[in-house]
Amino acid sequence: MAKSMIMPPERFTHSTLYQMGEIHGLLMFAQALARLHSDRDGLLRELEQAFQHGLASLENLPEAGDAVIDGYQFVVGAIRRVLGAA
C-alpha cells in the first residue's frame, strides 16, 4: 500500500506556524533596516519597484491565491508605514 502524499494535519500546522515565524522575523528585520536607512525616499523608490515586480510575479503563479497576495500586501504595507509612505 502506497503512503499518502498528503501531509498530516499536525505537521501542516507546525509547518505553517514555522513559516509565520520566519516571515515575522524577516519583516522585523526589514523594518529595522528601513528605520536606519539614511535615504528613506530613495529606499522607498527602490522598494516600490521591487514590490510591484514581486506582486506581478505572485499574480502570475496559478497556486498563489488571495491569502498569498493578502499576506504579501500586508508585509509591503508594514514596510511602507515604517518609511512614512502609507
C-alpha atoms as a PDB file:
ATOM      1  CA  MET A   1       0.000   0.000   0.000  1.00  0.00           C
ATOM      2  CA  ALA A   2       1.400   3.387  -1.034  1.00  0.00           C
ATOM      3  CA  LYS A   3       1.879   6.097   1.558  1.00  0.00           C
ATOM      4  CA  SER A   4      -0.315   9.153   1.239  1.00  0.00           C
ATOM      5  CA  MET A   5       1.395  12.226  -0.183  1.00  0.00           C
ATOM      6  CA  ILE A   6      -0.805  14.490   1.933  1.00  0.00           C
ATOM      7  CA  MET A   7       0.892  15.989   4.967  1.00  0.00           C
ATOM      8  CA  PRO A   8      -0.754  15.050   8.301  1.00  0.00           C
ATOM      9  CA  PRO A   9      -2.700  17.979   9.822  1.00  0.00           C
ATOM     10  CA  GLU A  10      -0.403  18.369  12.826  1.00  0.00           C
ATOM     11  CA  ARG A  11       2.659  18.514  10.559  1.00  0.00           C
ATOM     12  CA  PHE A  12       0.955  21.024   8.261  1.00  0.00           C
ATOM     13  CA  THR A  13       0.014  23.212  11.229  1.00  0.00           C
ATOM     14  CA  HIS A  14       3.583  23.124  12.540  1.00  0.00           C
ATOM     15  CA  SER A  15       4.949  23.962   9.086  1.00  0.00           C
ATOM     16  CA  THR A  16       2.528  26.858   8.653  1.00  0.00           C
ATOM     17  CA  LEU A  17       3.296  28.274  12.093  1.00  0.00           C
ATOM     18  CA  TYR A  18       7.022  27.901  11.441  1.00  0.00           C
ATOM     19  CA  GLN A  19       6.673  29.869   8.209  1.00  0.00           C
ATOM     20  CA  MET A  20       4.694  32.549  10.040  1.00  0.00           C
ATOM     21  CA  GLY A  21       7.597  32.881  12.477  1.00  0.00           C
ATOM     22  CA  GLU A  22      10.099  33.156   9.642  1.00  0.00           C
ATOM     23  CA  ILE A  23       8.037  35.817   7.880  1.00  0.00           C
ATOM     24  CA  HIS A  24       7.603  37.796  11.099  1.00  0.00           C
ATOM     25  CA  GLY A  25      11.352  37.726  11.719  1.00  0.00           C
ATOM     26  CA  LEU A  26      12.087  38.909   8.187  1.00  0.00           C
ATOM     27  CA  LEU A  27       9.506  41.682   8.492  1.00  0.00           C
ATOM     28  CA  MET A  28      11.044  42.937  11.734  1.00  0.00           C
ATOM     29  CA  PHE A  29      14.482  42.876  10.107  1.00  0.00           C
ATOM     30  CA  ALA A  30      13.205  44.835   7.090  1.00  0.00           C
ATOM     31  CA  GLN A  31      11.560  47.401   9.349  1.00  0.00           C
ATOM     32  CA  ALA A  32      14.763  47.861  11.343  1.00  0.00           C
ATOM     33  CA  LEU A  33      16.760  48.418   8.151  1.00  0.00           C
ATOM     34  CA  ALA A  34      14.181  50.888   6.866  1.00  0.00           C
ATOM     35  CA  ARG A  35      14.330  52.887  10.109  1.00  0.00           C
ATOM     36  CA  LEU A  36      18.117  53.117   9.943  1.00  0.00           C
ATOM     37  CA  HIS A  37      18.431  53.923   6.245  1.00  0.00           C
ATOM     38  CA  SER A  38      19.895  57.368   5.579  1.00  0.00           C
ATOM     39  CA  ASP A  39      17.885  57.988   2.370  1.00  0.00           C
ATOM     40  CA  ARG A  40      14.342  56.866   3.095  1.00  0.00           C
ATOM     41  CA  ASP A  41      12.930  58.454  -0.065  1.00  0.00           C
ATOM     42  CA  GLY A  42      15.483  56.687  -2.246  1.00  0.00           C
ATOM     43  CA  LEU A  43      14.895  53.417  -0.420  1.00  0.00           C
ATOM     44  CA  LEU A  44      11.148  53.785  -0.872  1.00  0.00           C
ATOM     45  CA  ARG A  45      11.549  54.357  -4.631  1.00  0.00           C
ATOM     46  CA  GLU A  46      13.667  51.222  -4.962  1.00  0.00           C
ATOM     47  CA  LEU A  47      11.308  49.202  -2.807  1.00  0.00           C
ATOM     48  CA  GLU A  48       8.249  50.332  -4.769  1.00  0.00           C
ATOM     49  CA  GLN A  49       9.792  48.910  -7.936  1.00  0.00           C
ATOM     50  CA  ALA A  50      10.641  45.672  -6.147  1.00  0.00           C
ATOM     51  CA  PHE A  51       7.172  45.470  -4.586  1.00  0.00           C
ATOM     52  CA  GLN A  52       5.457  45.916  -7.950  1.00  0.00           C
ATOM     53  CA  HIS A  53       7.662  43.284  -9.558  1.00  0.00           C
ATOM     54  CA  GLY A  54       7.055  40.903  -6.661  1.00  0.00           C
ATOM     55  CA  LEU A  55       3.297  41.386  -6.836  1.00  0.00           C
ATOM     56  CA  ALA A  56       3.236  40.817 -10.594  1.00  0.00           C
ATOM     57  CA  SER A  57       5.261  37.635 -10.118  1.00  0.00           C
ATOM     58  CA  LEU A  58       2.882  36.338  -7.455  1.00  0.00           C
ATOM     59  CA  GLU A  59      -0.197  37.147  -9.521  1.00  0.00           C
ATOM     60  CA  ASN A  60       1.217  35.033 -12.360  1.00  0.00           C
ATOM     61  CA  LEU A  61       1.522  31.946 -10.155  1.00  0.00           C
ATOM     62  CA  PRO A  62      -1.558  29.727 -10.506  1.00  0.00           C
ATOM     63  CA  GLU A  63      -1.189  28.447  -6.935  1.00  0.00           C
ATOM     64  CA  ALA A  64      -0.977  31.953  -5.422  1.00  0.00           C
ATOM     65  CA  GLY A  65      -4.444  32.516  -4.022  1.00  0.00           C
ATOM     66  CA  ASP A  66      -5.906  35.541  -2.305  1.00  0.00           C
ATOM     67  CA  ALA A  67      -4.267  34.629   1.015  1.00  0.00           C
ATOM     68  CA  VAL A  68      -0.792  34.760  -0.550  1.00  0.00           C
ATOM     69  CA  ILE A  69      -1.486  38.133  -2.175  1.00  0.00           C
ATOM     70  CA  ASP A  70      -3.034  39.477   1.046  1.00  0.00           C
ATOM     71  CA  GLY A  71      -0.004  38.355   3.048  1.00  0.00           C
ATOM     72  CA  TYR A  72       2.374  39.970   0.589  1.00  0.00           C
ATOM     73  CA  GLN A  73       0.437  43.234   0.660  1.00  0.00           C
ATOM     74  CA  PHE A  74       0.390  43.177   4.467  1.00  0.00           C
ATOM     75  CA  VAL A  75       4.180  42.967   4.625  1.00  0.00           C
ATOM     76  CA  VAL A  76       4.614  45.621   1.931  1.00  0.00           C
ATOM     77  CA  GLY A  77       2.223  47.907   3.816  1.00  0.00           C
ATOM     78  CA  ALA A  78       4.131  47.441   7.072  1.00  0.00           C
ATOM     79  CA  ILE A  79       7.414  48.408   5.419  1.00  0.00           C
ATOM     80  CA  ARG A  80       5.775  51.403   3.720  1.00  0.00           C
ATOM     81  CA  ARG A  81       4.417  52.590   7.071  1.00  0.00           C
ATOM     82  CA  VAL A  82       7.898  52.483   8.581  1.00  0.00           C
ATOM     83  CA  LEU A  83       9.152  54.618   5.712  1.00  0.00           C
ATOM     84  CA  GLY A  84       6.254  57.049   6.193  1.00  0.00           C
ATOM     85  CA  ALA A  85       4.652  56.374   2.823  1.00  0.00           C
ATOM     86  CA  ALA A  86       1.376  54.726   3.745  1.00  0.00           C
END
